[in-house]
């Protein structure tokens, strides 16, 4: 089991920045890929950014050039730096990890609202 807790959500005006952090505890040595998904009201959950153990990154086209995902080597923390935020980035953001045996774990989510 891996437990995840997000922090850093909030409200910001368009063009602003936010940084999300996620702390993983439990069976961290089995963590492989880490990252972030989001779900806007009335829409399906979608991948935002993920980062593998070799630090290779994968981004949704809608956030490329604006968001940056990072993690530490101890497999305990994954972050998401978000810049030039747009109203369409408004969603609940979920921290995500996948273990080496293919099991996914999710955080409870943190709200990000972009509005003027």
N, C-alpha and C. Protein backbone atom coordinates (compact mmCIF):
# COMPACT_ATOMS: atom_id res chain seq x y z
N UNK A 1 0.83 -1.20 0.00
CA UNK A 1 0.00 0.00 0.00
C UNK A 1 0.87 1.25 0.00
N UNK A 2 0.39 2.25 -0.73
CA UNK A 2 1.04 3.56 -0.76
C UNK A 2 -0.03 4.60 -0.47
N UNK A 3 0.24 5.46 0.49
CA UNK A 3 -0.68 6.54 0.83
C UNK A 3 -0.15 7.85 0.24
N UNK A 4 -1.07 8.63 -0.31
CA UNK A 4 -0.70 9.88 -0.98
C UNK A 4 -1.48 11.04 -0.41
N UNK A 5 -0.79 12.16 -0.19
CA UNK A 5 -1.44 13.37 0.29
C UNK A 5 -0.97 14.54 -0.54
N UNK A 6 -1.92 15.25 -1.17
CA UNK A 6 -1.58 16.41 -1.99
C UNK A 6 -1.66 17.71 -1.17
N UNK A 7 -0.96 18.72 -1.65
CA UNK A 7 -1.06 20.05 -1.07
C UNK A 7 -0.75 21.07 -2.16
N UNK A 8 -1.17 22.32 -1.94
CA UNK A 8 -0.80 23.38 -2.85
C UNK A 8 -1.87 23.88 -3.78
N UNK A 9 -3.05 23.29 -3.75
CA UNK A 9 -4.12 23.79 -4.60
C UNK A 9 -4.63 25.13 -4.14
N UNK A 10 -5.53 25.73 -4.92
CA UNK A 10 -6.09 27.01 -4.54
C UNK A 10 -6.68 27.73 -5.73
N UNK A 11 -6.89 29.02 -5.55
CA UNK A 11 -7.47 29.85 -6.60
C UNK A 11 -6.45 30.85 -7.10
N UNK A 12 -6.45 31.07 -8.40
CA UNK A 12 -5.50 31.98 -9.02
C UNK A 12 -6.14 32.62 -10.24
N UNK A 13 -5.67 33.79 -10.60
CA UNK A 13 -6.17 34.45 -11.80
C UNK A 13 -5.50 33.88 -13.04
N UNK A 14 -6.14 34.01 -14.19
CA UNK A 14 -5.50 33.55 -15.43
C UNK A 14 -4.13 34.18 -15.60
N UNK A 15 -3.18 33.35 -16.04
CA UNK A 15 -1.81 33.79 -16.17
C UNK A 15 -0.97 33.57 -14.94
N UNK A 16 -1.60 33.19 -13.84
CA UNK A 16 -0.89 32.97 -12.59
C UNK A 16 -0.23 31.61 -12.52
N UNK A 17 0.39 31.35 -11.37
CA UNK A 17 1.13 30.10 -11.17
C UNK A 17 0.73 29.45 -9.85
N UNK A 18 0.84 28.15 -9.82
CA UNK A 18 0.65 27.37 -8.60
C UNK A 18 1.61 26.19 -8.62
N UNK A 19 1.95 25.73 -7.44
CA UNK A 19 2.78 24.53 -7.33
C UNK A 19 2.06 23.52 -6.46
N UNK A 20 1.90 22.33 -7.00
CA UNK A 20 1.31 21.22 -6.26
C UNK A 20 2.40 20.29 -5.78
N UNK A 21 2.19 19.73 -4.59
CA UNK A 21 3.12 18.74 -4.06
C UNK A 21 2.34 17.54 -3.57
N UNK A 22 2.98 16.39 -3.61
CA UNK A 22 2.36 15.16 -3.15
C UNK A 22 3.40 14.35 -2.39
N UNK A 23 3.01 13.93 -1.19
CA UNK A 23 3.91 13.13 -0.36
C UNK A 23 3.41 11.70 -0.32
N UNK A 24 4.28 10.78 -0.62
CA UNK A 24 3.93 9.35 -0.64
C UNK A 24 4.55 8.67 0.57
N UNK A 25 3.76 7.86 1.23
CA UNK A 25 4.25 7.09 2.37
C UNK A 25 3.76 5.66 2.25
N UNK A 26 4.39 4.78 3.01
CA UNK A 26 4.01 3.38 2.95
C UNK A 26 5.09 2.58 2.24
N UNK A 27 4.68 1.76 1.26
CA UNK A 27 5.60 0.87 0.56
C UNK A 27 6.25 1.59 -0.63
N UNK A 28 6.98 2.68 -0.31
CA UNK A 28 7.54 3.52 -1.37
C UNK A 28 8.54 2.80 -2.26
N UNK A 29 9.21 1.78 -1.75
CA UNK A 29 10.26 1.15 -2.56
C UNK A 29 9.69 0.48 -3.81
N UNK A 30 8.35 0.29 -3.84
CA UNK A 30 7.73 -0.32 -5.01
C UNK A 30 7.20 0.72 -6.00
N UNK A 31 7.40 2.01 -5.68
CA UNK A 31 6.89 3.05 -6.57
C UNK A 31 7.69 3.09 -7.86
N UNK A 32 7.01 3.14 -8.98
CA UNK A 32 7.65 3.23 -10.28
C UNK A 32 7.33 4.59 -10.89
N UNK A 33 6.22 4.71 -11.53
CA UNK A 33 5.83 5.98 -12.16
C UNK A 33 5.03 6.82 -11.16
N UNK A 34 5.25 8.14 -11.21
CA UNK A 34 4.51 9.08 -10.37
C UNK A 34 3.96 10.19 -11.26
N UNK A 35 2.95 10.89 -10.79
CA UNK A 35 2.47 12.00 -11.61
C UNK A 35 1.15 12.56 -11.15
N UNK A 36 0.49 13.24 -12.10
CA UNK A 36 -0.73 13.97 -11.80
C UNK A 36 -1.78 13.74 -12.89
N UNK A 37 -3.01 13.58 -12.43
CA UNK A 37 -4.18 13.56 -13.28
C UNK A 37 -5.11 14.67 -12.81
N UNK A 38 -6.09 15.00 -13.61
CA UNK A 38 -7.09 15.99 -13.19
C UNK A 38 -8.46 15.62 -13.73
N UNK A 39 -9.47 16.13 -13.02
CA UNK A 39 -10.84 15.90 -13.45
C UNK A 39 -11.63 17.17 -13.28
N UNK A 40 -12.08 17.72 -14.39
CA UNK A 40 -12.93 18.89 -14.36
C UNK A 40 -14.39 18.47 -14.19
N UNK A 41 -15.20 19.39 -13.71
CA UNK A 41 -16.60 19.09 -13.46
C UNK A 41 -17.28 18.61 -14.73
N UNK A 42 -17.89 17.45 -14.66
CA UNK A 42 -18.61 16.89 -15.80
C UNK A 42 -17.75 16.23 -16.85
N UNK A 43 -16.46 16.11 -16.59
CA UNK A 43 -15.55 15.49 -17.55
C UNK A 43 -14.85 14.28 -16.95
N UNK A 44 -14.23 13.49 -17.82
CA UNK A 44 -13.49 12.33 -17.36
C UNK A 44 -12.12 12.74 -16.82
N UNK A 45 -11.59 11.90 -15.95
CA UNK A 45 -10.25 12.15 -15.44
C UNK A 45 -9.25 12.00 -16.58
N UNK A 46 -8.27 12.90 -16.63
CA UNK A 46 -7.28 12.86 -17.70
C UNK A 46 -5.87 13.02 -17.13
N UNK A 47 -4.92 12.45 -17.85
CA UNK A 47 -3.53 12.55 -17.46
C UNK A 47 -3.05 13.98 -17.71
N UNK A 48 -2.31 14.51 -16.75
CA UNK A 48 -1.70 15.83 -16.90
C UNK A 48 -0.21 15.67 -17.17
N UNK A 49 0.49 14.97 -16.28
CA UNK A 49 1.93 14.78 -16.42
C UNK A 49 2.35 13.61 -15.56
N UNK A 50 3.26 12.80 -16.09
CA UNK A 50 3.82 11.70 -15.32
C UNK A 50 5.32 11.68 -15.50
N UNK A 51 6.00 11.05 -14.53
CA UNK A 51 7.45 10.96 -14.57
C UNK A 51 7.85 9.58 -14.09
N UNK A 52 8.70 8.93 -14.85
CA UNK A 52 9.12 7.57 -14.55
C UNK A 52 10.35 7.58 -13.64
N UNK A 53 10.76 6.39 -13.23
CA UNK A 53 11.92 6.27 -12.37
C UNK A 53 13.21 6.76 -13.01
N UNK A 54 13.27 6.69 -14.34
CA UNK A 54 14.46 7.19 -15.04
C UNK A 54 14.35 8.69 -15.34
N UNK A 55 13.33 9.34 -14.78
CA UNK A 55 13.08 10.78 -14.92
C UNK A 55 12.54 11.17 -16.30
N UNK A 56 12.16 10.23 -17.11
CA UNK A 56 11.52 10.57 -18.38
C UNK A 56 10.12 11.08 -18.07
N UNK A 57 9.68 12.08 -18.79
CA UNK A 57 8.42 12.76 -18.52
C UNK A 57 7.44 12.64 -19.67
N UNK A 58 6.16 12.68 -19.33
CA UNK A 58 5.10 12.62 -20.31
C UNK A 58 4.07 13.68 -19.94
N UNK A 59 3.69 14.51 -20.91
CA UNK A 59 2.76 15.60 -20.64
C UNK A 59 1.55 15.54 -21.59
N UNK A 60 0.41 15.97 -21.09
CA UNK A 60 -0.73 16.19 -21.96
C UNK A 60 -0.41 17.36 -22.89
N UNK A 61 -0.88 17.31 -24.11
CA UNK A 61 -0.59 18.37 -25.08
C UNK A 61 -1.06 19.73 -24.56
N UNK A 62 -2.15 19.74 -23.82
CA UNK A 62 -2.74 21.00 -23.36
C UNK A 62 -1.88 21.73 -22.33
N UNK A 63 -0.91 21.03 -21.72
CA UNK A 63 -0.11 21.67 -20.67
C UNK A 63 1.37 21.77 -21.05
N UNK A 64 1.76 21.24 -22.18
CA UNK A 64 3.17 21.29 -22.59
C UNK A 64 3.64 22.74 -22.67
N UNK A 65 4.81 22.98 -22.11
CA UNK A 65 5.38 24.32 -22.10
C UNK A 65 4.90 25.19 -20.95
N UNK A 66 3.88 24.73 -20.23
CA UNK A 66 3.35 25.52 -19.11
C UNK A 66 3.53 24.80 -17.76
N UNK A 67 3.45 23.49 -17.77
CA UNK A 67 3.57 22.70 -16.54
C UNK A 67 4.88 21.92 -16.54
N UNK A 68 5.39 21.66 -15.35
CA UNK A 68 6.61 20.86 -15.21
C UNK A 68 6.42 19.91 -14.03
N UNK A 69 6.64 18.63 -14.28
CA UNK A 69 6.53 17.62 -13.23
C UNK A 69 7.93 17.24 -12.77
N UNK A 70 8.08 16.98 -11.49
CA UNK A 70 9.38 16.62 -10.94
C UNK A 70 9.16 15.68 -9.75
N UNK A 71 10.22 14.95 -9.43
CA UNK A 71 10.15 14.02 -8.31
C UNK A 71 11.53 13.91 -7.67
N UNK A 72 11.56 13.39 -6.45
CA UNK A 72 12.86 13.16 -5.80
C UNK A 72 13.25 11.70 -5.94
N UNK A 73 14.50 11.41 -5.67
CA UNK A 73 15.02 10.05 -5.88
C UNK A 73 14.63 9.09 -4.77
N UNK A 74 14.05 9.60 -3.70
CA UNK A 74 13.66 8.72 -2.61
C UNK A 74 12.25 8.18 -2.81
N UNK A 75 11.61 8.55 -3.92
CA UNK A 75 10.26 8.07 -4.26
C UNK A 75 9.22 8.50 -3.24
N UNK A 76 9.47 9.64 -2.57
CA UNK A 76 8.49 10.11 -1.60
C UNK A 76 7.73 11.35 -2.04
N UNK A 77 8.24 12.10 -3.00
CA UNK A 77 7.62 13.36 -3.36
C UNK A 77 7.55 13.53 -4.87
N UNK A 78 6.39 13.98 -5.32
CA UNK A 78 6.23 14.37 -6.71
C UNK A 78 5.54 15.73 -6.72
N UNK A 79 6.01 16.60 -7.58
CA UNK A 79 5.46 17.95 -7.64
C UNK A 79 5.03 18.32 -9.04
N UNK A 80 4.24 19.39 -9.11
CA UNK A 80 3.79 19.90 -10.40
C UNK A 80 3.83 21.42 -10.34
N UNK A 81 4.72 22.00 -11.10
CA UNK A 81 4.80 23.45 -11.21
C UNK A 81 3.92 23.88 -12.38
N UNK A 82 2.93 24.72 -12.10
CA UNK A 82 1.98 25.14 -13.14
C UNK A 82 2.13 26.64 -13.35
N UNK A 83 2.38 27.04 -14.59
CA UNK A 83 2.51 28.45 -14.93
C UNK A 83 1.54 28.80 -16.05
N UNK A 84 1.33 30.10 -16.23
CA UNK A 84 0.42 30.59 -17.27
C UNK A 84 -0.91 29.83 -17.23
N UNK A 85 -1.47 29.75 -16.06
CA UNK A 85 -2.71 28.98 -15.88
C UNK A 85 -3.86 29.60 -16.63
N UNK A 86 -4.74 28.74 -17.14
CA UNK A 86 -5.89 29.15 -17.91
C UNK A 86 -7.17 28.67 -17.23
N UNK A 87 -8.29 29.30 -17.51
CA UNK A 87 -9.55 28.84 -16.90
C UNK A 87 -9.83 27.36 -17.15
N UNK A 88 -9.42 26.87 -18.31
CA UNK A 88 -9.66 25.45 -18.63
C UNK A 88 -8.78 24.51 -17.83
N UNK A 89 -7.84 25.03 -17.05
CA UNK A 89 -7.06 24.20 -16.13
C UNK A 89 -7.80 23.95 -14.82
N UNK A 90 -8.93 24.60 -14.62
CA UNK A 90 -9.71 24.40 -13.41
C UNK A 90 -10.17 22.96 -13.31
N UNK A 91 -9.84 22.32 -12.19
CA UNK A 91 -10.16 20.91 -11.99
C UNK A 91 -9.71 20.48 -10.60
N UNK A 92 -10.09 19.28 -10.24
CA UNK A 92 -9.49 18.62 -9.08
C UNK A 92 -8.28 17.85 -9.59
N UNK A 93 -7.15 18.09 -8.97
CA UNK A 93 -5.89 17.45 -9.38
C UNK A 93 -5.57 16.32 -8.41
N UNK A 94 -5.25 15.16 -8.99
CA UNK A 94 -4.99 13.95 -8.21
C UNK A 94 -3.54 13.50 -8.40
N UNK A 95 -2.89 13.27 -7.29
CA UNK A 95 -1.57 12.65 -7.31
C UNK A 95 -1.74 11.15 -7.62
N UNK A 96 -0.77 10.60 -8.30
CA UNK A 96 -0.88 9.22 -8.79
C UNK A 96 0.48 8.53 -8.72
N UNK A 97 0.48 7.29 -8.30
CA UNK A 97 1.68 6.47 -8.41
C UNK A 97 1.29 5.11 -8.94
N UNK A 98 2.22 4.52 -9.66
CA UNK A 98 2.08 3.13 -10.11
C UNK A 98 3.26 2.36 -9.56
N UNK A 99 3.00 1.20 -8.99
CA UNK A 99 4.07 0.41 -8.43
C UNK A 99 4.68 -0.50 -9.50
N UNK A 100 5.77 -1.13 -9.13
CA UNK A 100 6.49 -1.99 -10.07
C UNK A 100 5.66 -3.21 -10.46
N UNK A 101 4.65 -3.57 -9.67
CA UNK A 101 3.78 -4.69 -10.05
C UNK A 101 2.47 -4.21 -10.67
N UNK A 102 2.43 -2.94 -11.11
CA UNK A 102 1.31 -2.46 -11.90
C UNK A 102 0.08 -2.00 -11.14
N UNK A 103 0.20 -1.78 -9.84
CA UNK A 103 -0.94 -1.32 -9.04
C UNK A 103 -0.91 0.22 -8.97
N UNK A 104 -2.07 0.85 -9.16
CA UNK A 104 -2.18 2.30 -9.11
C UNK A 104 -2.75 2.75 -7.77
N UNK A 105 -2.20 3.87 -7.25
CA UNK A 105 -2.72 4.49 -6.04
C UNK A 105 -2.99 5.96 -6.34
N UNK A 106 -4.02 6.50 -5.65
CA UNK A 106 -4.45 7.87 -5.90
C UNK A 106 -4.55 8.65 -4.59
N UNK A 107 -4.24 9.94 -4.67
CA UNK A 107 -4.50 10.82 -3.55
C UNK A 107 -5.95 11.26 -3.54
N UNK A 108 -6.38 11.95 -2.48
CA UNK A 108 -7.77 12.38 -2.38
C UNK A 108 -8.11 13.54 -3.31
N UNK A 109 -7.12 14.24 -3.83
CA UNK A 109 -7.37 15.34 -4.76
C UNK A 109 -7.27 16.70 -4.11
N UNK A 110 -6.88 17.70 -4.91
CA UNK A 110 -6.82 19.08 -4.46
C UNK A 110 -7.39 19.98 -5.56
N UNK A 111 -8.21 20.93 -5.16
CA UNK A 111 -8.90 21.77 -6.12
C UNK A 111 -7.99 22.90 -6.62
N UNK A 112 -7.98 23.08 -7.92
CA UNK A 112 -7.31 24.22 -8.57
C UNK A 112 -8.38 24.98 -9.35
N UNK A 113 -8.52 26.26 -9.05
CA UNK A 113 -9.50 27.10 -9.72
C UNK A 113 -8.79 28.29 -10.35
N UNK A 114 -9.01 28.47 -11.65
CA UNK A 114 -8.41 29.59 -12.38
C UNK A 114 -9.55 30.47 -12.86
N UNK A 115 -9.63 31.66 -12.29
CA UNK A 115 -10.76 32.53 -12.60
C UNK A 115 -10.39 33.98 -12.32
N UNK A 116 -10.96 34.86 -13.12
CA UNK A 116 -10.74 36.29 -12.88
C UNK A 116 -11.87 36.86 -12.03
